[in-house]
Structures are given as structure tokens and as C-alpha cells.
């Protein structure tokens, strides 16, 4: 026997010498169970530090003085949200006894749609509204009306709607260089498309590899829809950092995060915060190396990036032309200019799509199968999406893409020439992230807001971005944005240490609060305020 083994066995023998059998069994059992427990505590996807920090904050909030302070601040913030969101005028809190007439209803709808002060039709909004043309609205309204009561859940009743959905999927797959095996479904938006991919890979890994504690590896800049999907589906998110200069995912960190329970890798083309594109080829190489599916999130810029080469702009490979890319999500209701509530999730093979489906075979109501989260789906949205894509055609989308990217590059170039601000990375499509080392960037957001501009706020680090849409290609809009930024920076630099006020102050302070559960409570208050009516004041 090897000397080191003799030392180990000798030590064990001395521990148990002279002990009765029941003690030997008890010590052995306790040691084994204790070791298993310790391993479970130490070796989890979430670090021991993160778990300990959450526990400390949770216990601290049990202290009466701390709890009262938290409740007081929450109530104050909740009141401010309600004040900002609530609208003047009467609210309907009960059904009218007599139904309203058609003209009265349409008048009230017009009144409701006029609420709010942002000039979105003039291009003062970042993202949100990607195209506005009364003629297109007339077309999709007519199409939606014709198909408004159809439902692809009943394909035998509405086969034409199913045909339109199949054509939308195939046309989109062709744009992303999908082959004959490429397939997919339509969904209600990017979040559902992301959720469907996560569900498919979770179930695929469970069946093919026996994984019961799945995790996904993704960049810190990946869309929060992945976190939402993970919460719904019981998947742990292993978030990896980005390169501070390029703002692209750190490929080495991504590889280190992969383990035997990893069911999918995620890349963004582009990401939401900075509009930069991850190295999809490198991520796909990791997928091939470790035999893990790779999802490309092109929800935001998918219907730009597929047309950029045709529009004269080079772009790195990002789609099914790369071996190892197994799924892509792309929102038709963004740069596809279709009505809200439509997106596409694509797979390189049907085996993945099959795991997206939900199938129930033993229900008394019959065999039930559903491709997405919803059972019944709005056939009107499918028809309107199909009609919009047919309306634009390839040339129409290429022309729109050229105008949008031209405008984005113009704005980016002008912003890079300004002192006191910088651009995050190199924007790949239409999003430009802006930061500053000389003043609190939220000051600029607030000042631009006072001029009617609505920009997106970023955190970790503080930043803002503008998502350029077709609305910004209108004559003079881009130049006005640039001039307003330049003018406001000059004003800010007269007193760069001026504190941020209003909602931007709350947002800026929030990122420095270590108890993220507290920020979660504030966020819930904001969501509550969206559903506010005067009757809600009676609720306790």
C-alpha cells in the first residue's frame, strides 16, 4: 500500500478504535451528510458572497427602525409615482348602464390618445415608435379589422391566418440565412421570443443530457427578458462582464462560466444599452466546443442588421451562416415597422422548436398542443404583420435601413466631436450610448427632457442612450437633437457639480443602493402606479 494511503487509513482506524458499532455508523453518516450539505452550500451557481449579502439585508429590514424607514420611503416614492402617472379628468370605474355610441367611443379614444406631452410623431422619442405613416396605419387597420376575430389556435377554421404566419417565419428565416431546416413561430414580442428559446433549451437539455439544475451564460448587457424568462422557468443566469472599451461580452469570462449544467449561451446583435454587437462567431465557437446551443438576441436591431450590407454598411457575421448558432429572436414590431405585439423566434432545427411546444395528451378536453405561451392568439396581429412586410418588400426595408443608419452615423459623429461626453463602444446599428466623466450624465437627460426629448437611462455605469428610428430621419430632427445636446452641455458645464433633481435624481441614486431588493420594491410601486384609478386610494 502507498505510504500516503497508510497514513490516511491509519488515522481513520485510530478514530474508530474501541468505539461501538452504533457510534461508527453515526459518525460515518453524519460526516457524509455534513459533507454533502457543505458542498451544496459552497458550490452553487450563485456565489456564497451574493447569498450572504442578500441574507444580511433581509435580516436588517426586520429591525423595527429600519423597517419603518423603508416603509416611509416606499410610501413617499409611491405617492410621487402616482402623481406623475395619474391623469386629470374622470375615470370609468364601473360599466356604463347604457353602452356608449360609436361616435362617442371614438371621440373618447382620441382624447385618451392625446394624453401625454411627448412629441413622438415629431421624432423626439428614443425607440418606442419606430415608424409612423398614416397610409400604413390605414392599411394595417383595415387588415387587422378583417382578421380581428381569427385565431390560429383553430387552424382548421382559419387556415389562411396560419399560412400568413408560416410565410412571415419563412421570409424572416431567409433574411437570417436559414436553411431548409430552419423553422420558428411568431410571438407577441421580444420577451416571449426569448422566453420560448429558454424554454426550448431547458427542456432539450433535460431530455438529452439529464440536466435538472439548468443555467444560461450571458453578458451583463443581455436583455432583461432573459432574467424574466429565468425566473419563470427556473433557470439560473450566470452573468459575465463586458470589455469596458468595446462593451462587448468578455469571451474568456463566458467560457469560464460554462459548466455541466449550462443549457444555452446568449449573444446580442446588438445589445440594448449601448447598441454594440457581441462577437457572435466567438460565442458560436464556444457552443460548438462544449456542445451547447447558442441564441442570438436580435430583437432590437434584427430588422436593420439583415439589410445593412445591402444598404452599403459592413457588418460582422451574426446569423445562421455561422455554424453553432441555433436560434435567433427578432422583433417585427420594431424595425419591421409592424403593429405592436409581433416578433419571431427562429431555430436551426425542428428538434429545438419541438421543445418550445407545450403538449398535453391526457386532458379530458382532448389532446392539447400550443406552440407559444398563449393558447388563443390574435390572428389580426399576424395578418397585419404579414401585410406590413409585403407592403415594404426587400427594397423598402433596405431604403429605410439606409436612412436610419445614415442618421445614426451622423448623430454619432457629431456627438464624438463634442467635449465632456463620450460614446460607449462602437454602435453596430441604431443605438448610441452616451456617458460623461465631467458631469453627472443624468443632468443632460433632465435638460434634454425639458426640451421635449425622451431618452433612455442606463446604469452601472451611469449613461443615457438614444435609439434612432425612422422618425428621426425626418428633415431637421437629427440636427436639432445634436444642437440641443451641444447647447445643454455648455449650460451644464457652467456648473457641472449641480445636483440632479426630479426623477433622474431618484434613478441616479438607486444604482448606489446596495440592497437591490429595496430597488425592486420601488419598481413595484412604479408598476402599481400604471394601474392607478381614484378608487385605488381606498385600498390599504
Protein backbone atom coordinates (compact mmCIF):
# COMPACT_ATOMS: atom_id res chain seq x y z
CA UNK A 1 0.00 0.00 0.00
CA UNK A 2 1.19 3.51 -0.81
CA UNK A 3 2.63 5.39 2.23
CA UNK A 4 0.16 8.28 1.99
CA UNK A 5 -2.77 5.86 1.91
CA UNK A 6 -1.40 4.13 5.00
CA UNK A 7 -1.33 7.47 6.82
CA UNK A 8 -4.98 8.14 5.92
CA UNK A 9 -6.29 4.69 6.78
CA UNK A 10 -4.22 4.64 9.96
CA UNK A 11 -5.75 7.91 11.10
CA UNK A 12 -9.24 6.60 10.39
CA UNK A 13 -8.52 3.39 12.30
CA UNK A 14 -7.34 5.34 15.34
CA UNK A 15 -10.52 7.48 15.32
CA UNK A 16 -12.79 4.44 15.34
CA UNK A 17 -10.71 2.10 17.55
CA UNK A 18 -12.67 0.96 20.58
CA UNK A 19 -15.93 2.60 19.52
CA UNK A 20 -19.15 0.57 19.47
CA UNK A 21 -20.71 -0.12 16.05
CA UNK A 22 -23.57 2.37 16.51
CA UNK A 23 -21.09 5.21 17.02
CA UNK A 24 -19.14 4.22 13.92
CA UNK A 25 -22.35 4.24 11.87
CA UNK A 26 -23.50 7.55 13.38
CA UNK A 27 -20.15 9.29 12.82
CA UNK A 28 -19.90 7.99 9.26
CA UNK A 29 -23.46 9.01 8.39
CA UNK A 30 -23.08 12.44 9.96
CA UNK A 31 -19.77 13.04 8.17
CA UNK A 32 -21.18 12.07 4.77
CA UNK A 33 -24.36 14.12 5.17
CA UNK A 34 -22.38 17.06 6.53
CA UNK A 35 -20.00 16.94 3.58
CA UNK A 36 -22.92 16.85 1.13
CA UNK A 37 -24.56 19.81 2.90
CA UNK A 38 -21.32 21.80 2.87
CA UNK A 39 -20.83 21.14 -0.83
CA UNK A 40 -24.39 22.27 -1.54
CA UNK A 41 -23.78 25.48 0.42
CA UNK A 42 -20.41 26.28 -1.16
CA UNK A 43 -20.82 25.06 -4.72
CA UNK A 44 -23.92 26.78 -6.09
CA UNK A 45 -24.26 28.87 -9.22
CA UNK A 46 -24.84 31.95 -7.05
CA UNK A 47 -21.75 32.82 -5.04
CA UNK A 48 -21.63 32.49 -1.26
CA UNK A 49 -20.94 36.24 -1.05
CA UNK A 50 -24.07 37.14 -3.01
CA UNK A 51 -26.22 34.83 -0.90
CA UNK A 52 -24.76 36.17 2.33
CA UNK A 53 -25.29 39.79 1.24
CA UNK A 54 -28.96 39.14 0.45
CA UNK A 55 -29.43 37.44 3.81
CA UNK A 56 -27.84 40.34 5.70
CA UNK A 57 -30.10 42.91 4.02
CA UNK A 58 -33.14 40.74 4.60
CA UNK A 59 -32.35 40.43 8.31
CA UNK A 60 -31.60 44.17 8.59
CA UNK A 61 -35.07 45.00 7.31
CA UNK A 62 -36.55 43.04 10.21
CA UNK A 63 -35.20 45.66 12.62
CA UNK A 64 -38.21 47.89 13.54
CA UNK A 65 -36.41 51.21 12.96
CA UNK A 66 -35.07 50.08 9.59
CA UNK A 67 -38.44 48.65 8.57
CA UNK A 68 -40.24 51.92 9.43
CA UNK A 69 -37.70 53.92 7.45
CA UNK A 70 -38.08 51.65 4.44
CA UNK A 71 -41.88 51.81 4.62
CA UNK A 72 -41.81 55.61 4.86
CA UNK A 73 -39.51 55.97 1.85
CA UNK A 74 -41.55 53.46 -0.14
CA UNK A 75 -44.76 55.36 0.59
CA UNK A 76 -43.14 58.66 -0.43
CA UNK A 77 -41.87 57.24 -3.71
CA UNK A 78 -45.19 55.53 -4.39
CA UNK A 79 -47.01 58.87 -3.98
CA UNK A 80 -44.59 60.56 -6.39
CA UNK A 81 -45.15 57.85 -8.99
CA UNK A 82 -48.93 58.16 -8.72
CA UNK A 83 -48.68 61.94 -9.02
CA UNK A 84 -46.59 61.63 -12.20
CA UNK A 85 -48.66 58.93 -13.86
CA UNK A 86 -52.25 59.78 -12.93
CA UNK A 87 -54.23 61.78 -15.46
CA UNK A 88 -56.79 64.53 -14.97
CA UNK A 89 -60.45 64.04 -15.71
CA UNK A 90 -62.91 61.33 -14.80
CA UNK A 91 -62.05 57.65 -14.65
CA UNK A 92 -64.50 54.90 -15.51
CA UNK A 93 -64.60 52.59 -12.50
CA UNK A 94 -67.90 50.91 -13.37
CA UNK A 95 -69.52 49.86 -16.62
CA UNK A 96 -71.91 52.49 -18.01
CA UNK A 97 -75.52 51.37 -17.67
CA UNK A 98 -76.16 52.05 -21.33
CA UNK A 99 -73.49 51.26 -23.88
CA UNK A 100 -71.86 54.29 -25.48
CA UNK A 101 -72.47 55.12 -29.11
CA UNK A 102 -69.81 54.61 -31.76
CA UNK A 103 -69.03 58.29 -32.26
CA UNK A 104 -68.77 58.93 -28.52
CA UNK A 105 -66.41 55.98 -28.10
CA UNK A 106 -64.16 57.12 -30.94
CA UNK A 107 -64.08 60.65 -29.54
CA UNK A 108 -63.06 59.35 -26.12
CA UNK A 109 -60.36 57.15 -27.68
CA UNK A 110 -58.95 60.21 -29.45
CA UNK A 111 -58.98 62.12 -26.17
CA UNK A 112 -57.16 59.31 -24.34
CA UNK A 113 -54.53 59.01 -27.07
CA UNK A 114 -53.81 62.73 -26.80
CA UNK A 115 -52.79 62.37 -23.15
CA UNK A 116 -49.07 62.85 -22.52
CA UNK A 117 -46.74 65.65 -23.56
CA UNK A 118 -44.01 63.96 -25.62
CA UNK A 119 -43.90 64.84 -29.32
CA UNK A 120 -43.40 61.29 -30.54
CA UNK A 121 -44.80 61.94 -34.01
CA UNK A 122 -42.04 64.52 -34.49
CA UNK A 123 -39.24 62.12 -33.58
CA UNK A 124 -38.49 63.31 -30.04
CA UNK A 125 -38.63 59.80 -28.57
CA UNK A 126 -35.84 57.24 -28.23
CA UNK A 127 -37.17 53.98 -29.66
CA UNK A 128 -40.80 53.16 -28.69
CA UNK A 129 -42.32 54.28 -32.03
CA UNK A 130 -40.26 53.02 -34.96
CA UNK A 131 -42.35 54.22 -37.89
CA UNK A 132 -45.36 56.42 -38.41
CA UNK A 133 -47.20 56.84 -41.68
CA UNK A 134 -50.96 57.44 -41.85
CA UNK A 135 -51.16 55.45 -45.09
CA UNK A 136 -49.53 52.41 -43.47
CA UNK A 137 -51.79 52.79 -40.45
CA UNK A 138 -54.78 52.83 -42.76
CA UNK A 139 -53.58 49.61 -44.40
CA UNK A 140 -52.86 47.67 -41.20
CA UNK A 141 -56.06 48.93 -39.58
CA UNK A 142 -58.05 47.58 -42.48
CA UNK A 143 -56.18 44.27 -42.47
CA UNK A 144 -56.45 43.91 -38.70
CA UNK A 145 -60.16 44.61 -38.88
CA UNK A 146 -60.65 41.85 -41.44
CA UNK A 147 -58.75 39.33 -39.29
CA UNK A 148 -59.57 40.67 -35.83
CA UNK A 149 -61.72 37.70 -34.83
CA UNK A 150 -59.49 34.98 -36.26
CA UNK A 151 -57.44 32.65 -34.07
CA UNK A 152 -54.67 30.30 -35.27
CA UNK A 153 -55.45 28.03 -32.31
CA UNK A 154 -58.13 26.71 -34.68
CA UNK A 155 -56.14 26.00 -37.85
CA UNK A 156 -59.00 24.09 -39.44
CA UNK A 157 -61.24 27.14 -39.10
CA UNK A 158 -58.64 29.80 -40.02
CA UNK A 159 -56.06 28.12 -42.29
CA UNK A 160 -55.34 31.40 -44.08
CA UNK A 161 -54.01 33.02 -40.89
CA UNK A 162 -51.76 30.00 -40.32
CA UNK A 163 -50.49 30.36 -43.88
CA UNK A 164 -49.63 34.03 -43.28
CA UNK A 165 -47.77 33.13 -40.07
CA UNK A 166 -45.80 30.42 -41.88
CA UNK A 167 -44.84 32.90 -44.60
CA UNK A 168 -43.70 35.52 -42.07
CA UNK A 169 -41.50 32.89 -40.40
CA UNK A 170 -40.01 31.65 -43.68
CA UNK A 171 -39.37 35.15 -45.04
CA UNK A 172 -37.62 36.09 -41.79
CA UNK A 173 -35.61 32.86 -41.76
CA UNK A 174 -34.42 33.62 -45.30
CA UNK A 175 -33.24 37.08 -44.22
CA UNK A 176 -31.16 35.42 -41.47
CA UNK A 177 -29.62 32.90 -43.90
CA UNK A 178 -31.58 29.97 -42.54
CA UNK A 179 -31.58 26.72 -44.48
CA UNK A 180 -34.43 24.33 -45.26
CA UNK A 181 -34.40 23.01 -41.68
CA UNK A 182 -34.73 26.49 -40.17
CA UNK A 183 -38.10 26.95 -38.50
CA UNK A 184 -39.83 29.01 -35.84
CA UNK A 185 -43.00 30.66 -34.64
CA UNK A 186 -44.41 34.13 -34.21
CA UNK A 187 -44.80 35.53 -30.69
CA UNK A 188 -46.25 38.64 -29.08
CA UNK A 189 -42.87 40.36 -28.64
CA UNK A 190 -39.19 40.02 -27.89
CA UNK A 191 -39.68 38.88 -24.31
CA UNK A 192 -41.89 35.98 -25.36
CA UNK A 193 -39.44 35.06 -28.14
CA UNK A 194 -36.62 34.99 -25.59
CA UNK A 195 -38.75 33.01 -23.16
CA UNK A 196 -39.57 30.43 -25.81
CA UNK A 197 -35.89 29.89 -26.63
CA UNK A 198 -35.07 29.47 -22.93
CA UNK A 199 -37.94 27.02 -22.50
CA UNK A 200 -36.86 25.03 -25.55
CA UNK A 201 -33.24 24.71 -24.40
CA UNK A 202 -34.17 23.92 -20.81
CA UNK A 203 -36.40 21.04 -21.91
CA UNK A 204 -33.96 19.90 -24.60
CA UNK A 205 -31.14 19.70 -22.06
CA UNK A 206 -33.32 17.84 -19.59
CA UNK A 207 -34.21 15.22 -22.18
CA UNK A 208 -30.87 14.87 -23.96
CA UNK A 209 -28.44 15.42 -21.07
CA UNK A 210 -30.49 14.86 -17.93
CA UNK A 211 -29.88 18.40 -16.64
CA UNK A 212 -32.24 19.29 -13.77
CA UNK A 213 -30.49 22.44 -12.50
CA UNK A 214 -30.08 24.43 -15.72
CA UNK A 215 -28.18 27.65 -16.14
CA UNK A 216 -27.61 30.03 -19.06
CA UNK A 217 -24.47 32.07 -19.65
CA UNK A 218 -24.97 35.62 -20.88
CA UNK A 219 -23.47 39.08 -20.81
CA UNK A 220 -24.40 41.71 -18.26
CA UNK A 221 -25.74 43.71 -21.24
CA UNK A 222 -28.09 40.93 -22.40
CA UNK A 223 -31.73 41.99 -22.33
CA UNK A 224 -33.57 41.69 -19.02
CA UNK A 225 -36.05 39.46 -20.83
CA UNK A 226 -33.60 36.61 -20.18
CA UNK A 227 -33.77 37.27 -16.44
CA UNK A 228 -37.55 37.32 -16.68
CA UNK A 229 -37.54 34.01 -18.56
CA UNK A 230 -35.15 32.53 -15.99
CA UNK A 231 -37.50 33.47 -13.14
CA UNK A 232 -40.48 31.92 -14.89
CA UNK A 233 -38.65 28.77 -15.96
CA UNK A 234 -36.34 28.05 -13.01
CA UNK A 235 -33.08 28.69 -14.88
CA UNK A 236 -30.10 30.28 -13.16
CA UNK A 237 -28.44 33.16 -15.00
CA UNK A 238 -24.63 33.20 -14.99
CA UNK A 239 -23.92 36.82 -15.89
CA UNK A 240 -20.46 37.64 -17.23
CA UNK A 241 -18.80 41.06 -17.67
CA UNK A 242 -18.13 43.06 -20.80
CA UNK A 243 -14.95 44.57 -22.15
CA UNK A 244 -15.02 48.15 -20.82
CA UNK A 245 -13.72 49.60 -24.07
CA UNK A 246 -15.76 47.70 -26.64
CA UNK A 247 -18.77 46.97 -24.35
CA UNK A 248 -18.90 43.53 -25.98
CA UNK A 249 -19.14 40.38 -23.89
CA UNK A 250 -15.85 39.08 -22.46
CA UNK A 251 -15.46 35.76 -24.30
CA UNK A 252 -12.91 34.38 -21.85
CA UNK A 253 -15.20 35.13 -18.93
CA UNK A 254 -18.05 33.47 -20.80
CA UNK A 255 -16.01 30.30 -21.29
CA UNK A 256 -15.02 30.23 -17.61
CA UNK A 257 -18.70 30.46 -16.63
CA UNK A 258 -19.71 27.37 -18.61
CA UNK A 259 -20.24 24.19 -16.60
CA UNK A 260 -22.00 20.86 -16.99
CA UNK A 261 -25.42 22.45 -16.23
CA UNK A 262 -25.18 25.15 -18.91
CA UNK A 263 -28.07 24.75 -21.35
CA UNK A 264 -27.56 27.82 -23.57
CA UNK A 265 -25.19 30.67 -24.42
CA UNK A 266 -26.51 34.12 -25.32
CA UNK A 267 -25.14 36.81 -27.62
CA UNK A 268 -26.69 40.17 -28.53
CA UNK A 269 -26.81 41.64 -32.04
CA UNK A 270 -26.97 44.37 -30.87
CA UNK A 271 -27.41 44.81 -27.11
CA UNK A 272 -29.94 47.26 -25.74
CA UNK A 273 -27.81 49.55 -23.51
CA UNK A 274 -25.05 50.55 -25.93
CA UNK A 275 -26.10 49.19 -29.31
CA UNK A 276 -22.85 47.25 -29.69
CA UNK A 277 -22.76 43.71 -31.03
CA UNK A 278 -21.19 40.75 -29.25
CA UNK A 279 -18.70 38.58 -31.11
CA UNK A 280 -21.25 36.02 -32.28
CA UNK A 281 -18.63 33.96 -34.12
CA UNK A 282 -16.62 33.52 -30.91
CA UNK A 283 -19.73 32.63 -28.89
CA UNK A 284 -20.77 30.11 -31.55
CA UNK A 285 -17.29 28.58 -31.36
CA UNK A 286 -17.84 28.03 -27.63
CA UNK A 287 -21.18 26.46 -28.42
CA UNK A 288 -19.56 24.01 -30.82
CA UNK A 289 -16.69 23.28 -28.42
CA UNK A 290 -18.97 22.42 -25.49
CA UNK A 291 -21.99 21.22 -27.50
CA UNK A 292 -24.26 23.94 -26.11
CA UNK A 293 -26.98 25.76 -28.11
CA UNK A 294 -26.33 29.43 -28.90
CA UNK A 295 -29.09 32.02 -29.01
CA UNK A 296 -28.62 35.34 -30.80
CA UNK A 297 -30.86 38.08 -29.48
CA UNK A 298 -31.57 40.35 -32.45
CA UNK A 299 -34.90 41.56 -31.06
CA UNK A 300 -33.92 45.22 -31.16
CA UNK A 301 -31.96 45.58 -34.39
CA UNK A 302 -32.71 42.37 -36.26
CA UNK A 303 -34.72 44.06 -38.99
CA UNK A 304 -31.90 46.53 -39.54
CA UNK A 305 -28.87 44.30 -39.36
CA UNK A 306 -30.16 41.87 -42.01
CA UNK A 307 -30.41 44.73 -44.51
CA UNK A 308 -27.23 46.65 -43.66
CA UNK A 309 -24.95 45.03 -46.25
CA UNK A 310 -27.49 45.76 -48.96
CA UNK A 311 -27.65 49.34 -47.64
CA UNK A 312 -23.89 49.70 -48.00
CA UNK A 313 -22.80 49.15 -44.40
CA UNK A 314 -20.43 46.28 -43.49
CA UNK A 315 -21.45 44.12 -40.58
CA UNK A 316 -19.83 41.16 -38.81
CA UNK A 317 -21.43 37.71 -39.19
CA UNK A 318 -24.26 37.20 -36.71
CA UNK A 319 -26.82 34.74 -38.07
CA UNK A 320 -27.39 31.12 -39.17
CA UNK A 321 -24.48 31.42 -41.60
CA UNK A 322 -22.29 30.79 -38.52
CA UNK A 323 -22.10 27.09 -37.51
CA UNK A 324 -23.24 26.79 -33.92
CA UNK A 325 -25.92 29.49 -33.94
CA UNK A 326 -29.07 27.54 -33.13
CA UNK A 327 -31.70 30.24 -32.59
CA UNK A 328 -32.39 33.92 -33.30
CA UNK A 329 -35.07 36.24 -31.97
CA UNK A 330 -36.08 39.31 -34.00
CA UNK A 331 -38.91 41.76 -33.40
CA UNK A 332 -41.01 42.57 -36.41
CA UNK A 333 -42.75 45.29 -34.38
CA UNK A 334 -39.56 47.33 -34.11
CA UNK A 335 -37.65 47.94 -37.35
CA UNK A 336 -40.02 45.64 -39.22
CA UNK A 337 -42.49 48.52 -38.62
CA UNK A 338 -45.41 46.18 -37.91
CA UNK A 339 -48.04 46.88 -35.24
CA UNK A 340 -47.06 46.19 -31.64
CA UNK A 341 -47.36 42.64 -30.44
CA UNK A 342 -45.34 40.70 -33.01
CA UNK A 343 -41.93 39.03 -33.00
CA UNK A 344 -40.32 35.93 -34.48
CA UNK A 345 -38.28 33.18 -32.82
CA UNK A 346 -36.25 31.04 -35.24
CA UNK A 347 -34.39 27.74 -34.76
CA UNK A 348 -31.81 26.00 -36.88
CA UNK A 349 -33.59 22.65 -36.48
CA UNK A 350 -37.06 21.38 -35.61
CA UNK A 351 -35.77 19.41 -32.63
CA UNK A 352 -35.38 22.69 -30.73
CA UNK A 353 -38.76 24.06 -31.77
CA UNK A 354 -40.42 20.85 -30.62
CA UNK A 355 -39.16 21.53 -27.10
CA UNK A 356 -40.69 25.00 -27.27
CA UNK A 357 -44.16 23.49 -27.64
CA UNK A 358 -46.45 22.65 -24.75
CA UNK A 359 -48.34 19.41 -25.32
CA UNK A 360 -50.95 17.84 -23.02
CA UNK A 361 -52.18 14.38 -24.03
CA UNK A 362 -54.38 13.27 -21.10
CA UNK A 363 -56.75 16.22 -20.66
CA UNK A 364 -60.47 15.29 -20.71
CA UNK A 365 -60.97 18.17 -23.13
CA UNK A 366 -58.85 16.38 -25.71
CA UNK A 367 -55.24 16.41 -26.83
CA UNK A 368 -53.92 19.97 -26.48
CA UNK A 369 -50.91 21.47 -28.20
CA UNK A 370 -49.71 25.07 -28.15
CA UNK A 371 -46.60 26.47 -29.85
CA UNK A 372 -46.09 29.53 -27.60
CA UNK A 373 -47.13 30.95 -24.23
CA UNK A 374 -50.60 31.89 -25.45
CA UNK A 375 -53.31 29.45 -26.36
CA UNK A 376 -55.57 31.71 -28.34
CA UNK A 377 -53.57 34.19 -30.38
CA UNK A 378 -54.54 37.36 -32.21
CA UNK A 379 -54.90 36.48 -35.86
CA UNK A 380 -55.27 40.18 -36.58
CA UNK A 381 -51.69 40.87 -35.45
CA UNK A 382 -50.37 38.04 -37.63
CA UNK A 383 -52.26 39.34 -40.65
CA UNK A 384 -51.15 42.93 -40.04
CA UNK A 385 -47.52 41.79 -39.69
CA UNK A 386 -47.74 39.86 -42.95
CA UNK A 387 -49.33 42.85 -44.69
CA UNK A 388 -46.66 45.27 -43.43
CA UNK A 389 -43.81 43.07 -44.62
CA UNK A 390 -45.45 42.64 -48.01
CA UNK A 391 -46.03 46.39 -48.17
CA UNK A 392 -42.36 47.30 -47.63
CA UNK A 393 -40.73 44.47 -49.55
CA UNK A 394 -36.97 43.99 -49.67
CA UNK A 395 -36.21 47.30 -51.37
CA UNK A 396 -38.41 49.24 -48.97
CA UNK A 397 -36.64 47.80 -45.93
CA UNK A 398 -33.21 48.40 -47.43
CA UNK A 399 -34.08 52.04 -48.13
CA UNK A 400 -35.45 52.52 -44.60
CA UNK A 401 -32.35 50.88 -43.12
CA UNK A 402 -30.05 53.15 -45.11
CA UNK A 403 -31.86 56.25 -43.88
CA UNK A 404 -31.81 55.09 -40.26
CA UNK A 405 -28.14 54.05 -40.26
CA UNK A 406 -27.13 57.22 -42.13
CA UNK A 407 -28.89 59.25 -39.47
CA UNK A 408 -27.35 57.23 -36.63
CA UNK A 409 -23.83 57.63 -38.02
CA UNK A 410 -24.39 61.36 -38.44
CA UNK A 411 -25.53 61.78 -34.84
CA UNK A 412 -22.70 59.56 -33.56
CA UNK A 413 -20.07 61.53 -35.47
CA UNK A 414 -21.39 64.83 -34.16
CA UNK A 415 -21.53 63.58 -30.57
CA UNK A 416 -17.99 62.20 -30.74
CA UNK A 417 -16.80 65.68 -31.69
CA UNK A 418 -18.20 67.22 -28.50
CA UNK A 419 -16.17 67.78 -25.36
CA UNK A 420 -17.24 66.49 -21.93
CA UNK A 421 -19.11 63.40 -23.22
CA UNK A 422 -18.07 60.07 -24.72
CA UNK A 423 -19.71 57.24 -26.67
CA UNK A 424 -19.88 53.69 -25.30
CA UNK A 425 -18.10 51.33 -27.70
CA UNK A 426 -18.88 51.34 -31.41
CA UNK A 427 -22.62 51.23 -32.14
CA UNK A 428 -23.46 48.43 -34.56
CA UNK A 429 -26.88 49.60 -35.66
CA UNK A 430 -29.10 52.39 -34.34
CA UNK A 431 -28.39 52.83 -30.61
CA UNK A 432 -25.86 55.38 -29.32
CA UNK A 433 -24.87 55.21 -25.65
CA UNK A 434 -23.60 58.42 -24.08
CA UNK A 435 -21.60 58.95 -20.87
CA UNK A 436 -19.54 61.67 -19.22
CA UNK A 437 -16.53 61.87 -16.94
CA UNK A 438 -17.00 65.60 -16.34
CA UNK A 439 -20.58 65.78 -15.02
CA UNK A 440 -23.47 63.56 -13.98
CA UNK A 441 -24.90 62.39 -17.30
CA UNK A 442 -28.39 62.38 -15.77
CA UNK A 443 -28.14 66.17 -15.78
CA UNK A 444 -28.08 66.03 -19.56
CA UNK A 445 -31.03 63.62 -19.58
CA UNK A 446 -33.05 66.02 -17.45
CA UNK A 447 -32.11 69.05 -19.52
CA UNK A 448 -32.99 67.29 -22.77
CA UNK A 449 -36.28 66.20 -21.22
CA UNK A 450 -37.10 69.84 -20.55
CA UNK A 451 -36.82 70.41 -24.32
CA UNK A 452 -39.21 67.55 -25.06
CA UNK A 453 -36.65 64.79 -25.73
CA UNK A 454 -37.23 61.40 -24.13
CA UNK A 455 -34.01 59.37 -23.75
CA UNK A 456 -33.30 56.03 -22.11
CA UNK A 457 -31.34 55.96 -18.84
CA UNK A 458 -28.58 53.41 -18.20
CA UNK A 459 -26.78 52.35 -15.04
CA UNK A 460 -23.55 50.63 -13.96
CA UNK A 461 -22.08 52.98 -15.16
CA UNK A 462 -24.42 55.96 -15.45
CA UNK A 463 -25.36 56.67 -19.04
CA UNK A 464 -28.13 57.54 -21.45
CA UNK A 465 -28.85 56.42 -24.96
CA UNK A 466 -30.83 57.40 -27.99
CA UNK A 467 -32.37 54.68 -30.13
CA UNK A 468 -32.64 56.17 -33.62
CA UNK A 469 -35.78 55.22 -35.53
CA UNK A 470 -37.30 56.14 -38.87
CA UNK A 471 -38.93 59.03 -37.02
CA UNK A 472 -35.51 60.64 -36.55
CA UNK A 473 -34.85 60.60 -40.30
CA UNK A 474 -37.41 63.37 -40.80
CA UNK A 475 -35.86 66.58 -42.04
CA UNK A 476 -34.09 68.56 -39.33
CA UNK A 477 -34.79 66.17 -36.42
CA UNK A 478 -31.28 64.73 -36.09
CA UNK A 479 -29.61 68.13 -36.35
CA UNK A 480 -31.95 69.57 -33.75
CA UNK A 481 -31.07 66.73 -31.38
CA UNK A 482 -27.36 67.36 -31.89
CA UNK A 483 -27.70 71.11 -31.39
CA UNK A 484 -29.82 70.64 -28.27
CA UNK A 485 -27.20 68.29 -26.79
CA UNK A 486 -24.40 70.71 -27.61
CA UNK A 487 -26.29 73.65 -26.11
CA UNK A 488 -27.21 71.81 -22.92
CA UNK A 489 -23.65 70.59 -22.36
CA UNK A 490 -22.48 74.21 -22.49
CA UNK A 491 -25.12 75.13 -19.90
CA UNK A 492 -24.22 72.19 -17.66
CA UNK A 493 -20.50 72.91 -17.74
CA UNK A 494 -21.14 76.32 -16.21
CA UNK A 495 -21.97 74.38 -13.03
CA UNK A 496 -21.04 70.71 -13.61
CA UNK A 497 -21.37 69.79 -9.93
CA UNK A 498 -25.01 70.85 -9.83
CA UNK A 499 -27.09 68.06 -8.21
CA UNK A 500 -29.55 66.13 -10.34
CA UNK A 501 -33.20 66.76 -9.49
CA UNK A 502 -36.52 65.04 -10.08
CA UNK A 503 -36.93 61.52 -11.40
CA UNK A 504 -33.37 61.46 -12.70
CA UNK A 505 -32.10 62.04 -9.14
CA UNK A 506 -34.06 59.03 -7.92
CA UNK A 507 -32.78 56.91 -10.80
CA UNK A 508 -29.21 58.02 -10.27
CA UNK A 509 -29.28 57.37 -6.52
CA UNK A 510 -30.90 53.97 -7.00
CA UNK A 511 -27.82 52.39 -8.56
CA UNK A 512 -25.78 53.13 -5.44
CA UNK A 513 -28.24 51.45 -3.03
CA UNK A 514 -26.62 48.13 -2.09
CA UNK A 515 -29.92 46.47 -1.15
CA UNK A 516 -31.28 45.69 -4.62
CA UNK A 517 -34.44 44.20 -3.09
CA UNK A 518 -35.29 47.72 -1.95
CA UNK A 519 -34.94 48.97 -5.52
CA UNK A 520 -37.22 46.11 -6.51
CA UNK A 521 -39.86 47.41 -4.07
CA UNK A 522 -39.65 50.88 -5.61
CA UNK A 523 -40.03 49.36 -9.07
CA UNK A 524 -43.17 47.51 -7.97
CA UNK A 525 -44.56 50.82 -6.75
CA UNK A 526 -43.98 52.31 -10.18
CA UNK A 527 -45.74 49.41 -11.89
CA UNK A 528 -48.64 49.74 -9.43
CA UNK A 529 -48.97 53.41 -10.38
CA UNK A 530 -49.63 52.43 -14.01
CA UNK A 531 -52.92 50.84 -12.91
CA UNK A 532 -53.98 53.71 -10.68
CA UNK A 533 -57.58 54.97 -10.56
CA UNK A 534 -59.08 57.22 -7.88
CA UNK A 535 -60.80 54.23 -6.29
CA UNK A 536 -57.38 52.77 -5.51
CA UNK A 537 -56.96 55.42 -2.80
CA UNK A 538 -59.40 53.39 -0.70
CA UNK A 539 -57.14 50.33 -0.78
CA UNK A 540 -55.00 49.62 2.27
